[in-house]
Amino acid sequence: MKNISSIIVLLLFVFIGISGCAKQTTEQDGKENEQPMLTYLNEKYDTEFTTVEYIPAKRGFNDSMNQNILVAESEDGLRVEVRETVSNPGKYMDTYLNAYAAKLISNKFNYNSITNVQFAKTYINLRSREVSLEDLQKDNFVITNDIVINFSSIISILGDVSEEALVELYDVYTEQVALGYKRNVFVASFGGDPVKSEKYVNSYAIYGIRNWEVYDESVKAVIVVTDNGLSYEEFKHQIIYR
């Protein structure tokens, strides 16, 4: 019995040691991977970026397709994601083109007109093979439907659902649909944790893979609209209350 107890204690020490080493290795890998990803952005776009968040890939069995993700912000306020797949270290994919295009279009919306708006952001996914940064930088360039995969507005509102806020949200929704893009996504939440809301809005491609009410169980209501041309009554019936 004494021998069995000794073996169990020894196995516990070994397990704790392995877990500690694995955690340390992940943290070390993160620090080592973050700087090259930041340097990649700085050099590719000839501007200074600073790290907002670094999310290391989950490691373990069959992890080859998992990704290291760097969220960085440029001097002029563009928030960009860089991804590196575990199986292909040193090869990066970034969202600079989408972020640049979204900034060009975001001035068409007045999110500040929404009562108690907390955070709001425009997202656009482009067909990158059909448009370049040089195209977007032309004064007369128009972002047409044929180069857009989808277009999204993500909005966080303080407090409870109100008729006033819904009317204002509907106005923004109709402005978005009027741009003529076929695949639109319109998401807004009421209440919730401000820290989580900021992350969800500003890094939607990362956190938006989960429904808002799942990511933050403290939100009071969420409205998700993917159809174009809804009436106001149809629009407000898309609300999901917690």
C-alpha atoms as a PDB file:
ATOM      1  CA  MET A   1       0.000   0.000   0.000  1.00  0.00           C
ATOM      2  CA  LYS A   2       2.869   2.331   0.894  1.00  0.00           C
ATOM      3  CA  ASN A   3       4.519   1.630  -2.474  1.00  0.00           C
ATOM      4  CA  ILE A   4       1.293   2.426  -4.349  1.00  0.00           C
ATOM      5  CA  SER A   5       0.968   5.738  -2.496  1.00  0.00           C
ATOM      6  CA  SER A   6       4.555   6.637  -3.365  1.00  0.00           C
ATOM      7  CA  ILE A   7       3.946   5.883  -7.047  1.00  0.00           C
ATOM      8  CA  ILE A   8       0.819   8.067  -7.098  1.00  0.00           C
ATOM      9  CA  VAL A   9       2.689  10.963  -5.489  1.00  0.00           C
ATOM     10  CA  LEU A  10       5.531  10.556  -7.990  1.00  0.00           C
ATOM     11  CA  LEU A  11       3.109  10.557 -10.935  1.00  0.00           C
ATOM     12  CA  LEU A  12       1.475  13.728  -9.609  1.00  0.00           C
ATOM     13  CA  PHE A  13       4.842  15.473  -9.448  1.00  0.00           C
ATOM     14  CA  VAL A  14       5.666  14.352 -12.987  1.00  0.00           C
ATOM     15  CA  PHE A  15       2.272  15.586 -14.285  1.00  0.00           C
ATOM     16  CA  ILE A  16       2.662  18.971 -12.575  1.00  0.00           C
ATOM     17  CA  GLY A  17       6.165  19.286 -13.962  1.00  0.00           C
ATOM     18  CA  ILE A  18       5.063  18.482 -17.507  1.00  0.00           C
ATOM     19  CA  SER A  19       2.110  20.899 -17.287  1.00  0.00           C
ATOM     20  CA  GLY A  20       4.387  23.659 -16.020  1.00  0.00           C
ATOM     21  CA  CYS A  21       6.907  23.082 -18.793  1.00  0.00           C
ATOM     22  CA  ALA A  22       4.177  23.059 -21.443  1.00  0.00           C
ATOM     23  CA  LYS A  23       2.783  26.363 -20.182  1.00  0.00           C
ATOM     24  CA  GLN A  24       6.229  27.933 -20.056  1.00  0.00           C
ATOM     25  CA  THR A  25       7.003  26.715 -23.579  1.00  0.00           C
ATOM     26  CA  THR A  26       3.740  28.210 -24.885  1.00  0.00           C
ATOM     27  CA  GLU A  27       4.496  31.569 -23.262  1.00  0.00           C
ATOM     28  CA  GLN A  28       8.048  31.540 -24.628  1.00  0.00           C
ATOM     29  CA  ASP A  29       6.803  30.622 -28.115  1.00  0.00           C
ATOM     30  CA  GLY A  30       4.319  33.488 -27.907  1.00  0.00           C
ATOM     31  CA  LYS A  31       6.982  36.060 -27.133  1.00  0.00           C
ATOM     32  CA  GLU A  32       9.218  34.672 -29.859  1.00  0.00           C
ATOM     33  CA  ASN A  33       6.458  34.657 -32.502  1.00  0.00           C
ATOM     34  CA  GLU A  34       4.889  38.012 -31.687  1.00  0.00           C
ATOM     35  CA  GLN A  35       7.829  40.219 -32.676  1.00  0.00           C
ATOM     36  CA  PRO A  36       8.399  38.703 -36.159  1.00  0.00           C
ATOM     37  CA  MET A  37       4.683  39.126 -36.895  1.00  0.00           C
ATOM     38  CA  LEU A  38       4.847  42.759 -35.813  1.00  0.00           C
ATOM     39  CA  THR A  39       7.994  43.313 -37.883  1.00  0.00           C
ATOM     40  CA  TYR A  40       6.238  41.769 -40.901  1.00  0.00           C
ATOM     41  CA  LEU A  41       3.464  44.379 -40.664  1.00  0.00           C
ATOM     42  CA  ASN A  42       5.846  47.293 -40.124  1.00  0.00           C
ATOM     43  CA  GLU A  43       7.945  46.367 -43.136  1.00  0.00           C
ATOM     44  CA  LYS A  44       5.142  45.332 -45.509  1.00  0.00           C
ATOM     45  CA  TYR A  45       3.124  48.519 -45.030  1.00  0.00           C
ATOM     46  CA  ASP A  46       5.968  50.871 -44.131  1.00  0.00           C
ATOM     47  CA  THR A  47       4.239  52.152 -41.018  1.00  0.00           C
ATOM     48  CA  GLU A  48       4.573  51.627 -37.285  1.00  0.00           C
ATOM     49  CA  PHE A  49       2.269  49.112 -35.597  1.00  0.00           C
ATOM     50  CA  THR A  50       1.882  48.368 -31.903  1.00  0.00           C
ATOM     51  CA  THR A  51       0.589  45.148 -30.375  1.00  0.00           C
ATOM     52  CA  VAL A  52      -2.971  45.172 -29.034  1.00  0.00           C
ATOM     53  CA  GLU A  53      -3.224  41.461 -28.257  1.00  0.00           C
ATOM     54  CA  TYR A  54      -1.328  38.271 -29.033  1.00  0.00           C
ATOM     55  CA  ILE A  55      -3.202  34.953 -28.971  1.00  0.00           C
ATOM     56  CA  PRO A  56      -0.936  31.893 -29.258  1.00  0.00           C
ATOM     57  CA  ALA A  57      -2.205  28.818 -31.069  1.00  0.00           C
ATOM     58  CA  LYS A  58      -3.580  26.022 -28.926  1.00  0.00           C
ATOM     59  CA  ARG A  59      -1.035  23.218 -28.956  1.00  0.00           C
ATOM     60  CA  GLY A  60      -1.664  19.517 -28.638  1.00  0.00           C
ATOM     61  CA  PHE A  61      -2.799  16.561 -30.686  1.00  0.00           C
ATOM     62  CA  ASN A  62      -3.582  17.392 -34.328  1.00  0.00           C
ATOM     63  CA  ASP A  63      -2.786  21.105 -33.900  1.00  0.00           C
ATOM     64  CA  SER A  64      -1.212  21.714 -37.312  1.00  0.00           C
ATOM     65  CA  MET A  65      -4.029  23.970 -38.550  1.00  0.00           C
ATOM     66  CA  ASN A  66      -4.277  26.048 -35.362  1.00  0.00           C
ATOM     67  CA  GLN A  67      -3.126  29.653 -35.647  1.00  0.00           C
ATOM     68  CA  ASN A  68      -1.074  32.215 -33.792  1.00  0.00           C
ATOM     69  CA  ILE A  69      -2.933  35.524 -34.017  1.00  0.00           C
ATOM     70  CA  LEU A  70      -1.533  39.012 -33.546  1.00  0.00           C
ATOM     71  CA  VAL A  71      -3.871  41.990 -33.261  1.00  0.00           C
ATOM     72  CA  ALA A  72      -2.000  45.237 -33.931  1.00  0.00           C
ATOM     73  CA  GLU A  73      -2.879  48.874 -34.518  1.00  0.00           C
ATOM     74  CA  SER A  74      -1.200  51.293 -36.922  1.00  0.00           C
ATOM     75  CA  GLU A  75      -0.294  54.903 -36.206  1.00  0.00           C
ATOM     76  CA  ASP A  76      -3.404  56.069 -38.056  1.00  0.00           C
ATOM     77  CA  GLY A  77      -5.743  53.774 -36.110  1.00  0.00           C
ATOM     78  CA  LEU A  78      -6.128  50.774 -38.411  1.00  0.00           C
ATOM     79  CA  ARG A  79      -6.570  47.591 -36.375  1.00  0.00           C
ATOM     80  CA  VAL A  80      -5.155  44.604 -38.251  1.00  0.00           C
ATOM     81  CA  GLU A  81      -4.898  40.882 -37.570  1.00  0.00           C
ATOM     82  CA  VAL A  82      -1.952  38.722 -38.604  1.00  0.00           C
ATOM     83  CA  ARG A  83      -2.294  34.941 -38.580  1.00  0.00           C
ATOM     84  CA  GLU A  84       0.341  32.212 -38.717  1.00  0.00           C
ATOM     85  CA  THR A  85      -0.588  28.542 -39.027  1.00  0.00           C
ATOM     86  CA  VAL A  86       1.335  26.154 -36.778  1.00  0.00           C
ATOM     87  CA  SER A  87       2.193  23.899 -39.728  1.00  0.00           C
ATOM     88  CA  ASN A  88       3.552  26.822 -41.767  1.00  0.00           C
ATOM     89  CA  PRO A  89       5.681  29.011 -39.470  1.00  0.00           C
ATOM     90  CA  GLY A  90       6.876  32.319 -40.910  1.00  0.00           C
ATOM     91  CA  LYS A  91       4.099  32.518 -43.516  1.00  0.00           C
ATOM     92  CA  TYR A  92       1.682  35.280 -42.539  1.00  0.00           C
ATOM     93  CA  MET A  93      -1.790  36.356 -43.622  1.00  0.00           C
ATOM     94  CA  ASP A  94      -3.108  39.769 -42.645  1.00  0.00           C
ATOM     95  CA  THR A  95      -6.309  41.828 -42.836  1.00  0.00           C
ATOM     96  CA  TYR A  96      -4.786  45.210 -43.702  1.00  0.00           C
ATOM     97  CA  LEU A  97      -6.610  45.464 -47.038  1.00  0.00           C
ATOM     98  CA  ASN A  98      -9.976  44.808 -45.393  1.00  0.00           C
ATOM     99  CA  ALA A  99      -9.251  47.259 -42.570  1.00  0.00           C
ATOM    100  CA  TYR A 100      -8.253  49.971 -45.043  1.00  0.00           C
ATOM    101  CA  ALA A 101     -11.415  49.447 -47.108  1.00  0.00           C
ATOM    102  CA  ALA A 102     -13.613  49.460 -43.981  1.00  0.00           C
ATOM    103  CA  LYS A 103     -12.139  52.790 -42.925  1.00  0.00           C
ATOM    104  CA  LEU A 104     -12.994  54.276 -46.345  1.00  0.00           C
ATOM    105  CA  ILE A 105     -16.615  53.183 -46.015  1.00  0.00           C
ATOM    106  CA  SER A 106     -17.162  53.782 -42.281  1.00  0.00           C
ATOM    107  CA  ASN A 107     -17.600  57.528 -42.794  1.00  0.00           C
ATOM    108  CA  LYS A 108     -20.888  56.737 -44.543  1.00  0.00           C
ATOM    109  CA  PHE A 109     -22.372  55.784 -41.158  1.00  0.00           C
ATOM    110  CA  ASN A 110     -22.997  57.981 -38.167  1.00  0.00           C
ATOM    111  CA  TYR A 111     -22.778  55.469 -35.343  1.00  0.00           C
ATOM    112  CA  ASN A 112     -22.661  58.339 -32.840  1.00  0.00           C
ATOM    113  CA  SER A 113     -26.275  59.137 -33.698  1.00  0.00           C
ATOM    114  CA  ILE A 114     -27.295  55.960 -31.850  1.00  0.00           C
ATOM    115  CA  THR A 115     -28.394  56.623 -28.265  1.00  0.00           C
ATOM    116  CA  ASN A 116     -25.946  55.204 -25.681  1.00  0.00           C
ATOM    117  CA  VAL A 117     -23.681  53.662 -28.321  1.00  0.00           C
ATOM    118  CA  GLN A 118     -20.628  52.240 -26.604  1.00  0.00           C
ATOM    119  CA  PHE A 119     -18.544  50.703 -29.387  1.00  0.00           C
ATOM    120  CA  ALA A 120     -19.201  50.354 -33.119  1.00  0.00           C
ATOM    121  CA  LYS A 121     -17.155  49.202 -36.072  1.00  0.00           C
ATOM    122  CA  THR A 122     -17.507  48.518 -39.799  1.00  0.00           C
ATOM    123  CA  TYR A 123     -16.021  45.389 -41.383  1.00  0.00           C
ATOM    124  CA  ILE A 124     -15.652  44.482 -45.032  1.00  0.00           C
ATOM    125  CA  ASN A 125     -14.160  41.325 -46.536  1.00  0.00           C
ATOM    126  CA  LEU A 126     -12.756  41.848 -50.015  1.00  0.00           C
ATOM    127  CA  ARG A 127     -11.841  39.461 -52.787  1.00  0.00           C
ATOM    128  CA  SER A 128      -8.147  40.167 -52.389  1.00  0.00           C
ATOM    129  CA  ARG A 129      -7.228  38.728 -55.790  1.00  0.00           C
ATOM    130  CA  GLU A 130      -9.426  41.294 -57.487  1.00  0.00           C
ATOM    131  CA  VAL A 131      -8.343  44.467 -55.683  1.00  0.00           C
ATOM    132  CA  SER A 132      -5.068  45.879 -54.374  1.00  0.00           C
ATOM    133  CA  LEU A 133      -4.059  48.493 -51.833  1.00  0.00           C
ATOM    134  CA  GLU A 134      -3.009  50.715 -54.729  1.00  0.00           C
ATOM    135  CA  ASP A 135      -6.562  50.469 -56.102  1.00  0.00           C
ATOM    136  CA  LEU A 136      -8.075  51.491 -52.773  1.00  0.00           C
ATOM    137  CA  GLN A 137      -5.725  54.470 -52.507  1.00  0.00           C
ATOM    138  CA  LYS A 138      -6.977  55.978 -55.785  1.00  0.00           C
ATOM    139  CA  ASP A 139      -9.145  59.053 -55.243  1.00  0.00           C
ATOM    140  CA  ASN A 140     -11.892  57.920 -57.608  1.00  0.00           C
ATOM    141  CA  PHE A 141     -11.920  54.210 -56.715  1.00  0.00           C
ATOM    142  CA  VAL A 142     -15.332  52.738 -55.831  1.00  0.00           C
ATOM    143  CA  ILE A 143     -15.703  49.565 -53.765  1.00  0.00           C
ATOM    144  CA  THR A 144     -18.247  47.726 -55.892  1.00  0.00           C
ATOM    145  CA  ASN A 145     -20.303  44.645 -55.071  1.00  0.00           C
ATOM    146  CA  ASP A 146     -18.240  42.347 -57.306  1.00  0.00           C
ATOM    147  CA  ILE A 147     -15.138  42.699 -55.096  1.00  0.00           C
ATOM    148  CA  VAL A 148     -16.985  42.402 -51.760  1.00  0.00           C
ATOM    149  CA  ILE A 149     -17.535  39.051 -50.037  1.00  0.00           C
ATOM    150  CA  ASN A 150     -19.520  40.466 -47.111  1.00  0.00           C
ATOM    151  CA  PHE A 151     -20.098  43.677 -45.204  1.00  0.00           C
ATOM    152  CA  SER A 152     -20.754  43.959 -41.457  1.00  0.00           C
ATOM    153  CA  SER A 153     -21.687  46.494 -38.799  1.00  0.00           C
ATOM    154  CA  ILE A 154     -21.016  45.472 -35.182  1.00  0.00           C
ATOM    155  CA  ILE A 155     -22.460  47.717 -32.458  1.00  0.00           C
ATOM    156  CA  SER A 156     -22.528  47.695 -28.652  1.00  0.00           C
ATOM    157  CA  ILE A 157     -25.121  49.771 -26.765  1.00  0.00           C
ATOM    158  CA  LEU A 158     -25.252  50.547 -23.057  1.00  0.00           C
ATOM    159  CA  GLY A 159     -28.392  49.760 -21.099  1.00  0.00           C
ATOM    160  CA  ASP A 160     -31.696  48.175 -21.993  1.00  0.00           C
ATOM    161  CA  VAL A 161     -33.518  47.832 -25.291  1.00  0.00           C
ATOM    162  CA  SER A 162     -35.531  50.946 -26.120  1.00  0.00           C
ATOM    163  CA  GLU A 163     -37.741  51.955 -29.026  1.00  0.00           C
ATOM    164  CA  GLU A 164     -35.540  54.999 -29.595  1.00  0.00           C
ATOM    165  CA  ALA A 165     -32.371  52.900 -29.915  1.00  0.00           C
ATOM    166  CA  LEU A 166     -34.101  50.402 -32.214  1.00  0.00           C
ATOM    167  CA  VAL A 167     -35.260  53.160 -34.558  1.00  0.00           C
ATOM    168  CA  GLU A 168     -31.718  54.573 -34.665  1.00  0.00           C
ATOM    169  CA  LEU A 169     -30.249  51.123 -35.294  1.00  0.00           C
ATOM    170  CA  TYR A 170     -32.740  50.576 -38.096  1.00  0.00           C
ATOM    171  CA  ASP A 171     -31.634  53.849 -39.705  1.00  0.00           C
ATOM    172  CA  VAL A 172     -28.016  52.613 -39.741  1.00  0.00           C
ATOM    173  CA  TYR A 173     -29.144  49.218 -41.063  1.00  0.00           C
ATOM    174  CA  THR A 174     -30.985  50.872 -43.975  1.00  0.00           C
ATOM    175  CA  GLU A 175     -27.919  53.026 -44.734  1.00  0.00           C
ATOM    176  CA  GLN A 176     -25.820  49.863 -44.863  1.00  0.00           C
ATOM    177  CA  VAL A 177     -28.233  48.012 -47.154  1.00  0.00           C
ATOM    178  CA  ALA A 178     -28.454  51.087 -49.421  1.00  0.00           C
ATOM    179  CA  LEU A 179     -24.768  50.657 -50.292  1.00  0.00           C
ATOM    180  CA  GLY A 180     -25.876  47.735 -52.453  1.00  0.00           C
ATOM    181  CA  TYR A 181     -23.705  44.909 -51.140  1.00  0.00           C
ATOM    182  CA  LYS A 182     -25.464  41.558 -51.366  1.00  0.00           C
ATOM    183  CA  ARG A 183     -24.194  39.886 -48.191  1.00  0.00           C
ATOM    184  CA  ASN A 184     -24.757  42.101 -45.162  1.00  0.00           C
ATOM    185  CA  VAL A 185     -24.392  41.305 -41.475  1.00  0.00           C
ATOM    186  CA  PHE A 186     -25.781  43.659 -38.842  1.00  0.00           C
ATOM    187  CA  VAL A 187     -25.165  42.808 -35.174  1.00  0.00           C
ATOM    188  CA  ALA A 188     -25.954  44.888 -32.088  1.00  0.00           C
ATOM    189  CA  SER A 189     -26.008  44.114 -28.375  1.00  0.00           C
ATOM    190  CA  PHE A 190     -27.557  45.834 -25.371  1.00  0.00           C
ATOM    191  CA  GLY A 191     -25.801  45.895 -22.007  1.00  0.00           C
ATOM    192  CA  GLY A 192     -23.102  43.396 -21.111  1.00  0.00           C
ATOM    193  CA  ASP A 193     -19.526  43.594 -19.901  1.00  0.00           C
ATOM    194  CA  PRO A 194     -17.856  46.711 -21.426  1.00  0.00           C
ATOM    195  CA  VAL A 195     -14.453  45.009 -21.631  1.00  0.00           C
ATOM    196  CA  LYS A 196     -15.885  42.010 -23.475  1.00  0.00           C
ATOM    197  CA  SER A 197     -17.990  44.284 -25.685  1.00  0.00           C
ATOM    198  CA  GLU A 198     -14.933  46.264 -26.768  1.00  0.00           C
ATOM    199  CA  LYS A 199     -13.078  43.056 -27.658  1.00  0.00           C
ATOM    200  CA  TYR A 200     -16.064  41.636 -29.520  1.00  0.00           C
ATOM    201  CA  VAL A 201     -16.590  44.802 -31.571  1.00  0.00           C
ATOM    202  CA  ASN A 202     -12.951  45.629 -32.288  1.00  0.00           C
ATOM    203  CA  SER A 203     -11.826  42.044 -32.992  1.00  0.00           C
ATOM    204  CA  TYR A 204     -15.013  40.574 -34.457  1.00  0.00           C
ATOM    205  CA  ALA A 205     -13.164  38.152 -36.745  1.00  0.00           C
ATOM    206  CA  ILE A 206     -11.698  36.512 -33.628  1.00  0.00           C
ATOM    207  CA  TYR A 207     -14.494  36.691 -31.064  1.00  0.00           C
ATOM    208  CA  GLY A 208     -17.430  36.778 -33.483  1.00  0.00           C
ATOM    209  CA  ILE A 209     -17.085  33.072 -34.204  1.00  0.00           C
ATOM    210  CA  ARG A 210     -19.265  32.714 -31.080  1.00  0.00           C
ATOM    211  CA  ASN A 211     -22.695  34.296 -30.696  1.00  0.00           C
ATOM    212  CA  TRP A 212     -22.458  37.465 -28.607  1.00  0.00           C
ATOM    213  CA  GLU A 213     -24.821  36.109 -25.924  1.00  0.00           C
ATOM    214  CA  VAL A 214     -22.588  33.034 -25.629  1.00  0.00           C
ATOM    215  CA  TYR A 215     -19.338  35.011 -25.483  1.00  0.00           C
ATOM    216  CA  ASP A 216     -20.810  37.367 -22.864  1.00  0.00           C
ATOM    217  CA  GLU A 217     -23.710  35.908 -20.906  1.00  0.00           C
ATOM    218  CA  SER A 218     -24.345  39.277 -19.217  1.00  0.00           C
ATOM    219  CA  VAL A 219     -25.718  40.959 -22.374  1.00  0.00           C
ATOM    220  CA  LYS A 220     -29.418  41.816 -22.091  1.00  0.00           C
ATOM    221  CA  ALA A 221     -30.352  41.396 -25.746  1.00  0.00           C
ATOM    222  CA  VAL A 222     -28.786  40.866 -29.151  1.00  0.00           C
ATOM    223  CA  ILE A 223     -30.111  41.652 -32.613  1.00  0.00           C
ATOM    224  CA  VAL A 224     -28.657  39.845 -35.624  1.00  0.00           C
ATOM    225  CA  VAL A 225     -29.830  40.677 -39.146  1.00  0.00           C
ATOM    226  CA  THR A 226     -28.525  39.046 -42.320  1.00  0.00           C
ATOM    227  CA  ASP A 227     -31.449  39.802 -44.640  1.00  0.00           C
ATOM    228  CA  ASN A 228     -31.647  42.909 -46.802  1.00  0.00           C
ATOM    229  CA  GLY A 229     -34.665  45.163 -47.110  1.00  0.00           C
ATOM    230  CA  LEU A 230     -36.466  44.380 -43.851  1.00  0.00           C
ATOM    231  CA  SER A 231     -39.214  46.690 -42.650  1.00  0.00           C
ATOM    232  CA  TYR A 232     -38.833  48.230 -39.207  1.00  0.00           C
ATOM    233  CA  GLU A 233     -41.295  45.730 -37.713  1.00  0.00           C
ATOM    234  CA  GLU A 234     -39.408  42.808 -39.269  1.00  0.00           C
ATOM    235  CA  PHE A 235     -36.099  44.295 -38.108  1.00  0.00           C
ATOM    236  CA  LYS A 236     -37.023  44.629 -34.449  1.00  0.00           C
ATOM    237  CA  HIS A 237     -38.454  41.107 -34.368  1.00  0.00           C
ATOM    238  CA  GLN A 238     -34.898  39.801 -34.889  1.00  0.00           C
ATOM    239  CA  ILE A 239     -34.049  40.629 -31.260  1.00  0.00           C
ATOM    240  CA  ILE A 240     -33.000  37.791 -28.980  1.00  0.00           C
ATOM    241  CA  TYR A 241     -33.647  38.605 -25.299  1.00  0.00           C
ATOM    242  CA  ARG A 242     -31.602  37.048 -22.530  1.00  0.00           C
END
